[in-house]
Amino acid sequence: MGDARLLPAVTVVAVREGCVLALRRSASAGAAVGCWETPSGRLEPGEDPLAAARRELREETGWEGVFDDRPVDAYRAARGDEPMLVVVYRARVDEERPRLAEAHDAWRWLSTSQLGLLSWPRLVEAARRALRMPW
């Protein structure tokens, strides 16, 4: 295994009317250009994962959302050759149209089946779990 450390990251399954917000990574994102994802990012030093999830949703969409403070899921992923531990949260949102940050150039409200055609299977599984869980 070596000395590889998992970088802590979060992703937010933003839910509205049974659909999930998907964002497409822009050319300025640096990695995974053109891929569809949910609002996400790395934790800042000393940051609580839930606080990071709230920050990422706000930075990437302009929304506050109503968060469930229980993580929906956690899984191992990688960005390039950097291994990450991704903690998944969910948030209800009332807004329809996000204010996109520079890292994204398009958005869609998708069912998890539609998300499954565009995104990573592990993220889709977490989104399905988020939609099934009671609030």
C-alpha atoms as a PDB file:
ATOM      1  CA  MET A   1       0.000   0.000   0.000  1.00  0.00           C
ATOM      2  CA  GLY A   2       2.870   2.390   0.519  1.00  0.00           C
ATOM      3  CA  ASP A   3       2.557   5.796   2.124  1.00  0.00           C
ATOM      4  CA  ALA A   4      -0.554   6.895   0.186  1.00  0.00           C
ATOM      5  CA  ARG A   5      -2.915   9.010   2.249  1.00  0.00           C
ATOM      6  CA  LEU A   6      -6.562   9.482   1.471  1.00  0.00           C
ATOM      7  CA  LEU A   7      -7.481  13.093   0.824  1.00  0.00           C
ATOM      8  CA  PRO A   8     -10.761  13.943   2.568  1.00  0.00           C
ATOM      9  CA  ALA A   9     -13.512  15.182   0.256  1.00  0.00           C
ATOM     10  CA  VAL A  10     -17.279  15.646   0.266  1.00  0.00           C
ATOM     11  CA  THR A  11     -20.033  15.539  -2.304  1.00  0.00           C
ATOM     12  CA  VAL A  12     -23.586  16.815  -1.974  1.00  0.00           C
ATOM     13  CA  VAL A  13     -26.624  15.103  -3.447  1.00  0.00           C
ATOM     14  CA  ALA A  14     -28.863  18.155  -3.924  1.00  0.00           C
ATOM     15  CA  VAL A  15     -32.456  16.937  -4.171  1.00  0.00           C
ATOM     16  CA  ARG A  16     -35.482  18.703  -5.640  1.00  0.00           C
ATOM     17  CA  GLU A  17     -38.783  17.034  -6.518  1.00  0.00           C
ATOM     18  CA  GLY A  18     -37.208  13.555  -6.615  1.00  0.00           C
ATOM     19  CA  CYS A  19     -34.356  14.601  -8.897  1.00  0.00           C
ATOM     20  CA  VAL A  20     -30.653  15.166  -8.285  1.00  0.00           C
ATOM     21  CA  LEU A  21     -28.621  18.170  -9.423  1.00  0.00           C
ATOM     22  CA  ALA A  22     -25.799  17.222 -11.798  1.00  0.00           C
ATOM     23  CA  LEU A  23     -23.039  19.639 -12.801  1.00  0.00           C
ATOM     24  CA  ARG A  24     -20.707  19.261 -15.802  1.00  0.00           C
ATOM     25  CA  ARG A  25     -17.026  20.017 -15.168  1.00  0.00           C
ATOM     26  CA  SER A  26     -15.694  22.810 -17.371  1.00  0.00           C
ATOM     27  CA  ALA A  27     -12.310  23.149 -19.064  1.00  0.00           C
ATOM     28  CA  SER A  28     -11.173  25.394 -16.193  1.00  0.00           C
ATOM     29  CA  ALA A  29     -11.823  22.592 -13.671  1.00  0.00           C
ATOM     30  CA  GLY A  30      -8.435  21.042 -14.404  1.00  0.00           C
ATOM     31  CA  ALA A  31      -9.487  17.402 -13.981  1.00  0.00           C
ATOM     32  CA  ALA A  32     -12.334  15.238 -15.281  1.00  0.00           C
ATOM     33  CA  VAL A  33     -13.347  17.891 -17.832  1.00  0.00           C
ATOM     34  CA  GLY A  34     -16.788  17.135 -19.301  1.00  0.00           C
ATOM     35  CA  CYS A  35     -17.743  14.712 -16.538  1.00  0.00           C
ATOM     36  CA  TRP A  36     -21.038  15.071 -14.707  1.00  0.00           C
ATOM     37  CA  GLU A  37     -20.954  15.118 -10.916  1.00  0.00           C
ATOM     38  CA  THR A  38     -22.707  16.545  -7.892  1.00  0.00           C
ATOM     39  CA  PRO A  39     -21.342  19.586  -5.995  1.00  0.00           C
ATOM     40  CA  SER A  40     -18.121  18.418  -4.386  1.00  0.00           C
ATOM     41  CA  GLY A  41     -14.668  19.289  -3.178  1.00  0.00           C
ATOM     42  CA  ARG A  42     -11.892  18.686  -0.717  1.00  0.00           C
ATOM     43  CA  LEU A  43     -11.975  19.631   2.933  1.00  0.00           C
ATOM     44  CA  GLU A  44      -9.922  22.598   4.004  1.00  0.00           C
ATOM     45  CA  PRO A  45      -7.437  21.954   6.859  1.00  0.00           C
ATOM     46  CA  GLY A  46      -9.339  21.432  10.125  1.00  0.00           C
ATOM     47  CA  GLU A  47     -12.748  21.701   8.413  1.00  0.00           C
ATOM     48  CA  ASP A  48     -15.667  19.548   9.530  1.00  0.00           C
ATOM     49  CA  PRO A  49     -17.069  17.387   6.670  1.00  0.00           C
ATOM     50  CA  LEU A  50     -20.630  18.730   7.027  1.00  0.00           C
ATOM     51  CA  ALA A  51     -19.325  22.306   7.028  1.00  0.00           C
ATOM     52  CA  ALA A  52     -17.342  21.483   3.885  1.00  0.00           C
ATOM     53  CA  ALA A  53     -20.468  20.077   2.227  1.00  0.00           C
ATOM     54  CA  ARG A  54     -22.405  23.272   3.037  1.00  0.00           C
ATOM     55  CA  ARG A  55     -19.526  25.385   1.710  1.00  0.00           C
ATOM     56  CA  GLU A  56     -19.199  23.389  -1.517  1.00  0.00           C
ATOM     57  CA  LEU A  57     -22.937  23.615  -2.258  1.00  0.00           C
ATOM     58  CA  ARG A  58     -22.857  27.369  -1.639  1.00  0.00           C
ATOM     59  CA  GLU A  59     -19.673  27.912  -3.710  1.00  0.00           C
ATOM     60  CA  GLU A  60     -20.753  25.764  -6.658  1.00  0.00           C
ATOM     61  CA  THR A  61     -24.457  26.685  -6.861  1.00  0.00           C
ATOM     62  CA  GLY A  62     -25.113  29.753  -4.697  1.00  0.00           C
ATOM     63  CA  TRP A  63     -27.576  27.702  -2.612  1.00  0.00           C
ATOM     64  CA  GLU A  64     -27.761  27.071   1.123  1.00  0.00           C
ATOM     65  CA  GLY A  65     -30.043  24.008   1.068  1.00  0.00           C
ATOM     66  CA  VAL A  66     -31.554  22.142   4.013  1.00  0.00           C
ATOM     67  CA  PHE A  67     -28.974  19.538   4.976  1.00  0.00           C
ATOM     68  CA  ASP A  68     -29.385  16.175   6.601  1.00  0.00           C
ATOM     69  CA  ASP A  69     -26.492  16.149   9.074  1.00  0.00           C
ATOM     70  CA  ARG A  70     -26.088  12.360   8.725  1.00  0.00           C
ATOM     71  CA  PRO A  71     -23.773  11.226   5.941  1.00  0.00           C
ATOM     72  CA  VAL A  72     -25.542   9.224   3.266  1.00  0.00           C
ATOM     73  CA  ASP A  73     -22.471   7.248   2.269  1.00  0.00           C
ATOM     74  CA  ALA A  74     -18.679   7.255   2.113  1.00  0.00           C
ATOM     75  CA  TYR A  75     -16.452   5.685  -0.504  1.00  0.00           C
ATOM     76  CA  ARG A  76     -12.926   5.628  -1.836  1.00  0.00           C
ATOM     77  CA  ALA A  77     -12.261   7.422  -5.119  1.00  0.00           C
ATOM     78  CA  ALA A  78      -9.336   9.004  -6.930  1.00  0.00           C
ATOM     79  CA  ARG A  79      -8.624  12.257  -8.674  1.00  0.00           C
ATOM     80  CA  GLY A  80      -5.850  11.382 -11.053  1.00  0.00           C
ATOM     81  CA  ASP A  81      -3.375   9.480  -8.908  1.00  0.00           C
ATOM     82  CA  GLU A  82      -4.557  11.041  -5.629  1.00  0.00           C
ATOM     83  CA  PRO A  83      -6.662   8.638  -3.526  1.00  0.00           C
ATOM     84  CA  MET A  84      -9.607  10.272  -1.772  1.00  0.00           C
ATOM     85  CA  LEU A  85     -12.206   9.367   0.824  1.00  0.00           C
ATOM     86  CA  VAL A  86     -15.494  10.950  -0.245  1.00  0.00           C
ATOM     87  CA  VAL A  87     -18.218  11.540   2.350  1.00  0.00           C
ATOM     88  CA  VAL A  88     -21.670  12.017   0.815  1.00  0.00           C
ATOM     89  CA  TYR A  89     -24.312  14.354   2.262  1.00  0.00           C
ATOM     90  CA  ARG A  90     -27.730  15.294   0.967  1.00  0.00           C
ATOM     91  CA  ALA A  91     -29.579  18.577   0.923  1.00  0.00           C
ATOM     92  CA  ARG A  92     -33.074  19.580  -0.109  1.00  0.00           C
ATOM     93  CA  VAL A  93     -33.181  22.654  -2.280  1.00  0.00           C
ATOM     94  CA  ASP A  94     -36.110  24.736  -3.517  1.00  0.00           C
ATOM     95  CA  GLU A  95     -34.253  26.641  -6.210  1.00  0.00           C
ATOM     96  CA  GLU A  96     -34.390  25.412  -9.779  1.00  0.00           C
ATOM     97  CA  ARG A  97     -31.446  27.162 -11.433  1.00  0.00           C
ATOM     98  CA  PRO A  98     -27.990  27.187  -9.809  1.00  0.00           C
ATOM     99  CA  ARG A  99     -25.471  30.011 -10.112  1.00  0.00           C
ATOM    100  CA  LEU A 100     -22.554  28.004 -11.472  1.00  0.00           C
ATOM    101  CA  ALA A 101     -18.983  28.476 -10.330  1.00  0.00           C
ATOM    102  CA  GLU A 102     -16.155  28.522 -12.881  1.00  0.00           C
ATOM    103  CA  ALA A 103     -15.477  24.796 -12.414  1.00  0.00           C
ATOM    104  CA  HIS A 104     -18.811  23.906 -14.086  1.00  0.00           C
ATOM    105  CA  ASP A 105     -20.347  24.937 -17.394  1.00  0.00           C
ATOM    106  CA  ALA A 106     -23.736  23.174 -17.405  1.00  0.00           C
ATOM    107  CA  TRP A 107     -26.333  21.760 -15.020  1.00  0.00           C
ATOM    108  CA  ARG A 108     -29.316  19.400 -15.149  1.00  0.00           C
ATOM    109  CA  TRP A 109     -31.923  17.988 -12.783  1.00  0.00           C
ATOM    110  CA  LEU A 110     -31.771  14.229 -13.343  1.00  0.00           C
ATOM    111  CA  SER A 111     -33.356  11.052 -12.102  1.00  0.00           C
ATOM    112  CA  THR A 112     -30.813   8.593 -10.747  1.00  0.00           C
ATOM    113  CA  SER A 113     -31.333   6.503 -13.907  1.00  0.00           C
ATOM    114  CA  GLN A 114     -30.373   9.511 -16.033  1.00  0.00           C
ATOM    115  CA  LEU A 115     -27.441  10.286 -13.732  1.00  0.00           C
ATOM    116  CA  GLY A 116     -26.338   6.676 -14.212  1.00  0.00           C
ATOM    117  CA  LEU A 117     -25.807   7.353 -17.917  1.00  0.00           C
ATOM    118  CA  LEU A 118     -23.508  10.319 -17.238  1.00  0.00           C
ATOM    119  CA  SER A 119     -21.644   9.797 -13.980  1.00  0.00           C
ATOM    120  CA  TRP A 120     -19.633   7.331 -11.904  1.00  0.00           C
ATOM    121  CA  PRO A 121     -21.480   4.219 -10.691  1.00  0.00           C
ATOM    122  CA  ARG A 122     -20.435   4.766  -7.068  1.00  0.00           C
ATOM    123  CA  LEU A 123     -21.840   8.309  -7.038  1.00  0.00           C
ATOM    124  CA  VAL A 124     -25.069   7.086  -8.638  1.00  0.00           C
ATOM    125  CA  GLU A 125     -25.399   4.419  -5.940  1.00  0.00           C
ATOM    126  CA  ALA A 126     -24.977   7.092  -3.248  1.00  0.00           C
ATOM    127  CA  ALA A 127     -27.582   9.311  -4.955  1.00  0.00           C
ATOM    128  CA  ARG A 128     -30.063   6.427  -5.028  1.00  0.00           C
ATOM    129  CA  ARG A 129     -29.462   5.853  -1.326  1.00  0.00           C
ATOM    130  CA  ALA A 130     -29.954   9.576  -0.633  1.00  0.00           C
ATOM    131  CA  LEU A 131     -33.346   9.565  -2.373  1.00  0.00           C
ATOM    132  CA  ARG A 132     -34.517   6.414  -0.529  1.00  0.00           C
ATOM    133  CA  MET A 133     -33.582   7.577   2.981  1.00  0.00           C
ATOM    134  CA  PRO A 134     -36.280   9.181   5.115  1.00  0.00           C
ATOM    135  CA  TRP A 135     -35.709  12.754   6.222  1.00  0.00           C
END
